[in-house]
């Protein structure tokens, strides 16, 4: 039994099937190279007057089907929110997904809207950085340097948590979608990750190499050096940063 037959079996037993107007399958089973841990991602589109959304999972003959159930306008909201945050997972799912059912043509419209958003490449998104973000990165680097100097046993834990924040901040400057599970693959195998995740080639090769080094470096010293280089690059591209003159003033929330 292939994934289509398993999906049909799931849909036949779906509790809210009378509300369904469309189905789209996406993920590794569609874009290629699923692993033993891959599930089948499915978007179920509800009638316009439905006032609920749903996440549900179920094993069907050994295949885990993960469903995202929404009216079409809710999907549009998710895609626009992703776009504004320089993320594209929701758009990519619809752009690369396969239409299984489309009673009113709504899934086809969502596919075209997703492709149009991806084509814009976040050109009109504000990627400005606050002084508070610059300070946060300084503070993280300071913590790492202390952990390295004092040979703290939790250096690796601190490093990778801080690196996640730093990489998301650096890639925001390039208007490049960041995901911790895909960034290394996107930099080392861009053709595959363009096909699977609609990720463009990262054009700044020097920064790309530095990011790869920050993720894969074996020694603590090399990791710390890569983090420091990325932090300095971030500050240089955002007008500089001096801890001695840092100030961030904002209104109270009382």
Foldseek 3Di string as FASTA:
>chain_A
DDPLVQVVVCLVPDPPNVFFQWKKWFACVQLHDDDLPDAIEMETAGDPPDDDWDWDWDDGPSHIYTYTYYHLVVLVVVQVVCLLLLHQQSLQRLCRIDIPGHRPCSSVVSNVVSVVSLVVLSPPHDLADDLVLLVVLVVLLVVLVVCVVVVPPCSVVSLVVSLLSLVSSLVSLVSFHDDPVCLLVCLPPVVSCCSRPVGHRDDPNVLSVLNNQCVPPDDSVSVSVSSVVSSVVSQVSNPHDDPVPDDDDDDDPD
